[in-house]
Amino acid sequence: MKHPAVQQAVQLGVKGRLVLPAEVRRVLRLREGDRLLLRLRDDGVIELVKAEEVVMGNKGLLQRLYPALKGKALAEELIQERRREALQE
C-alpha cells in the first residue's frame, strides 16, 4: 500500500523508546497496541512495518507459490491435510 512520504526528526527517549509522530500514526492508521516489525537493513536503515501487512504479504506469497491454496484459508488446508494423514495411519 502506498502512503504519502513523511519525514520528521524524532528523538530517542528513556530506555530507547521512540515516539512515532502523530502524522505517521494517522497515515498508517496505527493505534495503541498495534504490533510492528522492526527490520535493520544491512545498509543501516531501520524499517518499521505493520505486522498485519507482513502477514498479509506472506499469505499472498504463499498463494502465488501454491496456487491450489488460492481462495482457501491456510488453517483449513492444514486441517484437511492432517485428516488425510490420520486416515492413512
N, C-alpha and C. Protein backbone atom coordinates (compact mmCIF):
# COMPACT_ATOMS: atom_id res chain seq x y z
N MET A 1 0.84 -1.17 0.00
CA MET A 1 0.00 0.00 0.00
C MET A 1 0.89 1.24 0.00
N LYS A 2 0.61 2.17 -0.89
CA LYS A 2 1.39 3.40 -0.99
C LYS A 2 0.87 4.43 0.00
N HIS A 3 1.79 5.13 0.62
CA HIS A 3 1.47 6.19 1.57
C HIS A 3 2.24 7.43 1.17
N PRO A 4 1.73 8.61 1.53
CA PRO A 4 2.50 9.82 1.24
C PRO A 4 3.81 9.82 2.01
N ALA A 5 4.84 10.37 1.39
CA ALA A 5 6.15 10.43 2.05
C ALA A 5 6.09 11.39 3.23
N VAL A 6 6.59 10.94 4.35
CA VAL A 6 6.64 11.76 5.56
C VAL A 6 8.05 11.67 6.11
N GLN A 7 8.62 12.81 6.44
CA GLN A 7 9.95 12.82 7.04
C GLN A 7 9.94 13.79 8.21
N GLN A 8 10.21 13.27 9.40
CA GLN A 8 10.25 14.10 10.60
C GLN A 8 11.39 13.62 11.48
N ALA A 9 12.01 14.57 12.18
CA ALA A 9 13.05 14.22 13.14
C ALA A 9 12.39 13.70 14.40
N VAL A 10 12.94 12.64 14.96
CA VAL A 10 12.46 12.09 16.23
C VAL A 10 13.65 11.93 17.16
N GLN A 11 13.37 11.83 18.44
CA GLN A 11 14.44 11.71 19.43
C GLN A 11 14.23 10.44 20.23
N LEU A 12 15.32 9.72 20.43
CA LEU A 12 15.28 8.52 21.25
C LEU A 12 15.12 8.92 22.70
N GLY A 13 14.15 8.30 23.37
CA GLY A 13 13.86 8.66 24.75
C GLY A 13 14.42 7.67 25.75
N VAL A 14 13.89 7.76 26.96
CA VAL A 14 14.30 6.90 28.06
C VAL A 14 14.12 5.43 27.67
N LYS A 15 15.10 4.61 28.02
CA LYS A 15 15.08 3.17 27.74
C LYS A 15 14.95 2.86 26.24
N GLY A 16 15.43 3.77 25.41
CA GLY A 16 15.43 3.52 23.97
C GLY A 16 14.08 3.67 23.30
N ARG A 17 13.14 4.29 23.97
CA ARG A 17 11.79 4.43 23.40
C ARG A 17 11.77 5.50 22.33
N LEU A 18 10.99 5.22 21.31
CA LEU A 18 10.85 6.13 20.18
C LEU A 18 9.37 6.42 20.01
N VAL A 19 9.01 7.68 19.96
CA VAL A 19 7.61 8.07 19.76
C VAL A 19 7.41 8.36 18.28
N LEU A 20 6.44 7.67 17.68
CA LEU A 20 6.13 7.93 16.28
C LEU A 20 5.27 9.19 16.20
N PRO A 21 5.62 10.11 15.32
CA PRO A 21 4.84 11.34 15.20
C PRO A 21 3.38 11.05 14.86
N ALA A 22 2.49 11.92 15.33
CA ALA A 22 1.05 11.74 15.13
C ALA A 22 0.71 11.60 13.65
N GLU A 23 1.37 12.37 12.79
CA GLU A 23 1.08 12.30 11.36
C GLU A 23 1.38 10.90 10.81
N VAL A 24 2.47 10.30 11.24
CA VAL A 24 2.83 8.95 10.79
C VAL A 24 1.78 7.95 11.29
N ARG A 25 1.40 8.08 12.55
CA ARG A 25 0.38 7.17 13.10
C ARG A 25 -0.94 7.32 12.37
N ARG A 26 -1.28 8.55 12.02
CA ARG A 26 -2.54 8.80 11.31
C ARG A 26 -2.50 8.20 9.91
N VAL A 27 -1.44 8.46 9.17
CA VAL A 27 -1.32 7.96 7.80
C VAL A 27 -1.35 6.43 7.77
N LEU A 28 -0.67 5.80 8.73
CA LEU A 28 -0.60 4.34 8.76
C LEU A 28 -1.75 3.71 9.54
N ARG A 29 -2.61 4.55 10.09
CA ARG A 29 -3.74 4.09 10.91
C ARG A 29 -3.27 3.20 12.06
N LEU A 30 -2.23 3.65 12.72
CA LEU A 30 -1.68 2.91 13.86
C LEU A 30 -2.43 3.29 15.13
N ARG A 31 -2.70 2.30 15.93
CA ARG A 31 -3.38 2.50 17.21
C ARG A 31 -2.52 1.91 18.32
N GLU A 32 -2.75 2.36 19.53
CA GLU A 32 -2.04 1.81 20.68
C GLU A 32 -2.25 0.30 20.72
N GLY A 33 -1.17 -0.43 20.89
CA GLY A 33 -1.24 -1.89 20.95
C GLY A 33 -0.97 -2.58 19.62
N ASP A 34 -0.98 -1.83 18.50
CA ASP A 34 -0.66 -2.44 17.21
C ASP A 34 0.76 -2.99 17.25
N ARG A 35 0.97 -4.10 16.58
CA ARG A 35 2.29 -4.72 16.53
C ARG A 35 3.02 -4.26 15.27
N LEU A 36 4.30 -3.97 15.45
CA LEU A 36 5.15 -3.54 14.35
C LEU A 36 6.35 -4.47 14.27
N LEU A 37 6.85 -4.67 13.07
CA LEU A 37 8.07 -5.44 12.86
C LEU A 37 9.18 -4.45 12.55
N LEU A 38 10.26 -4.50 13.32
CA LEU A 38 11.41 -3.63 13.10
C LEU A 38 12.46 -4.43 12.34
N ARG A 39 12.92 -3.86 11.23
CA ARG A 39 13.97 -4.50 10.44
C ARG A 39 15.16 -3.56 10.38
N LEU A 40 16.34 -4.09 10.65
CA LEU A 40 17.57 -3.32 10.48
C LEU A 40 18.23 -3.85 9.22
N ARG A 41 18.22 -3.03 8.17
CA ARG A 41 18.80 -3.46 6.90
C ARG A 41 20.32 -3.39 6.97
N ASP A 42 20.98 -4.09 6.07
CA ASP A 42 22.44 -4.11 6.08
C ASP A 42 23.06 -2.76 5.71
N ASP A 43 22.25 -1.84 5.16
CA ASP A 43 22.77 -0.50 4.87
C ASP A 43 22.52 0.48 6.02
N GLY A 44 22.07 -0.05 7.18
CA GLY A 44 21.88 0.78 8.37
C GLY A 44 20.52 1.45 8.47
N VAL A 45 19.65 1.22 7.51
CA VAL A 45 18.32 1.81 7.54
C VAL A 45 17.40 0.96 8.41
N ILE A 46 16.62 1.63 9.25
CA ILE A 46 15.64 0.94 10.09
C ILE A 46 14.28 1.05 9.41
N GLU A 47 13.61 -0.06 9.28
CA GLU A 47 12.26 -0.09 8.72
C GLU A 47 11.29 -0.55 9.80
N LEU A 48 10.14 0.09 9.88
CA LEU A 48 9.05 -0.35 10.75
C LEU A 48 7.88 -0.71 9.84
N VAL A 49 7.37 -1.91 10.00
CA VAL A 49 6.28 -2.39 9.15
C VAL A 49 5.18 -2.92 10.06
N LYS A 50 3.93 -2.60 9.72
CA LYS A 50 2.82 -3.16 10.48
C LYS A 50 2.86 -4.68 10.34
N ALA A 51 2.78 -5.38 11.45
CA ALA A 51 2.85 -6.84 11.43
C ALA A 51 1.76 -7.43 10.56
N GLU A 52 0.57 -6.84 10.58
CA GLU A 52 -0.53 -7.39 9.78
C GLU A 52 -0.22 -7.30 8.29
N GLU A 53 0.53 -6.27 7.86
CA GLU A 53 0.90 -6.17 6.45
C GLU A 53 1.90 -7.26 6.07
N VAL A 54 2.78 -7.60 6.99
CA VAL A 54 3.73 -8.68 6.75
C VAL A 54 2.98 -10.00 6.59
N VAL A 55 2.02 -10.24 7.48
CA VAL A 55 1.22 -11.47 7.42
C VAL A 55 0.45 -11.53 6.11
N MET A 56 -0.21 -10.44 5.74
CA MET A 56 -0.99 -10.43 4.50
C MET A 56 -0.07 -10.59 3.29
N GLY A 57 1.10 -9.98 3.33
CA GLY A 57 2.05 -10.14 2.23
C GLY A 57 2.52 -11.57 2.10
N ASN A 58 2.77 -12.23 3.23
CA ASN A 58 3.20 -13.63 3.20
C ASN A 58 2.09 -14.53 2.73
N LYS A 59 0.85 -14.22 3.08
CA LYS A 59 -0.28 -15.02 2.61
C LYS A 59 -0.35 -14.95 1.09
N GLY A 60 -0.17 -13.74 0.54
CA GLY A 60 -0.18 -13.59 -0.91
C GLY A 60 0.96 -14.34 -1.57
N LEU A 61 2.13 -14.31 -0.94
CA LEU A 61 3.29 -15.04 -1.46
C LEU A 61 3.01 -16.53 -1.47
N LEU A 62 2.47 -17.04 -0.37
CA LEU A 62 2.15 -18.47 -0.31
C LEU A 62 1.14 -18.85 -1.38
N GLN A 63 0.15 -18.00 -1.60
CA GLN A 63 -0.86 -18.32 -2.61
C GLN A 63 -0.28 -18.27 -4.02
N ARG A 64 0.72 -17.41 -4.25
CA ARG A 64 1.37 -17.41 -5.56
C ARG A 64 2.24 -18.65 -5.74
N LEU A 65 2.91 -19.08 -4.66
CA LEU A 65 3.76 -20.26 -4.75
C LEU A 65 2.95 -21.55 -4.83
N TYR A 66 1.81 -21.56 -4.17
CA TYR A 66 0.95 -22.74 -4.12
C TYR A 66 -0.45 -22.36 -4.58
N PRO A 67 -0.67 -22.28 -5.90
CA PRO A 67 -1.95 -21.83 -6.43
C PRO A 67 -3.14 -22.65 -5.93
N ALA A 68 -2.92 -23.90 -5.54
CA ALA A 68 -4.02 -24.72 -5.04
C ALA A 68 -4.62 -24.14 -3.77
N LEU A 69 -3.87 -23.30 -3.06
CA LEU A 69 -4.36 -22.70 -1.82
C LEU A 69 -5.22 -21.47 -2.07
N LYS A 70 -5.20 -20.96 -3.30
CA LYS A 70 -5.93 -19.72 -3.58
C LYS A 70 -7.40 -19.87 -3.20
N GLY A 71 -7.87 -18.94 -2.42
CA GLY A 71 -9.27 -18.96 -2.01
C GLY A 71 -9.53 -19.82 -0.78
N LYS A 72 -8.55 -20.55 -0.31
CA LYS A 72 -8.72 -21.38 0.88
C LYS A 72 -7.99 -20.76 2.05
N ALA A 73 -8.54 -20.92 3.20
CA ALA A 73 -7.84 -20.49 4.41
C ALA A 73 -6.70 -21.46 4.64
N LEU A 74 -5.53 -20.95 4.98
CA LEU A 74 -4.38 -21.82 5.19
C LEU A 74 -4.63 -22.78 6.34
N ALA A 75 -5.32 -22.33 7.37
CA ALA A 75 -5.63 -23.20 8.50
C ALA A 75 -6.53 -24.35 8.05
N GLU A 76 -7.50 -24.03 7.20
CA GLU A 76 -8.40 -25.07 6.69
C GLU A 76 -7.62 -26.12 5.89
N GLU A 77 -6.70 -25.66 5.07
CA GLU A 77 -5.88 -26.58 4.28
C GLU A 77 -5.05 -27.48 5.19
N LEU A 78 -4.48 -26.93 6.25
CA LEU A 78 -3.68 -27.71 7.19
C LEU A 78 -4.55 -28.77 7.88
N ILE A 79 -5.74 -28.39 8.30
CA ILE A 79 -6.66 -29.34 8.94
C ILE A 79 -6.98 -30.49 7.99
N GLN A 80 -7.28 -30.17 6.74
CA GLN A 80 -7.59 -31.21 5.76
C GLN A 80 -6.41 -32.14 5.55
N GLU A 81 -5.21 -31.57 5.49
CA GLU A 81 -4.00 -32.38 5.32
C GLU A 81 -3.82 -33.33 6.51
N ARG A 82 -4.01 -32.82 7.71
CA ARG A 82 -3.86 -33.66 8.92
C ARG A 82 -4.90 -34.79 8.93
N ARG A 83 -6.11 -34.49 8.50
CA ARG A 83 -7.16 -35.52 8.44
C ARG A 83 -6.79 -36.62 7.44
N ARG A 84 -6.26 -36.22 6.29
CA ARG A 84 -5.84 -37.22 5.28
C ARG A 84 -4.74 -38.11 5.85
N GLU A 85 -3.78 -37.49 6.55
CA GLU A 85 -2.69 -38.26 7.15
C GLU A 85 -3.22 -39.22 8.20
N ALA A 86 -4.18 -38.79 8.99
CA ALA A 86 -4.75 -39.64 10.05
C ALA A 86 -5.47 -40.84 9.45
N LEU A 87 -6.15 -40.64 8.33
CA LEU A 87 -6.86 -41.74 7.67
C LEU A 87 -5.90 -42.78 7.11
N GLN A 88 -4.71 -42.34 6.72
CA GLN A 88 -3.73 -43.26 6.15
C GLN A 88 -3.05 -44.10 7.21
N GLU A 89 -3.12 -43.68 8.48
CA GLU A 89 -2.44 -44.42 9.55
C GLU A 89 -3.20 -45.63 9.96
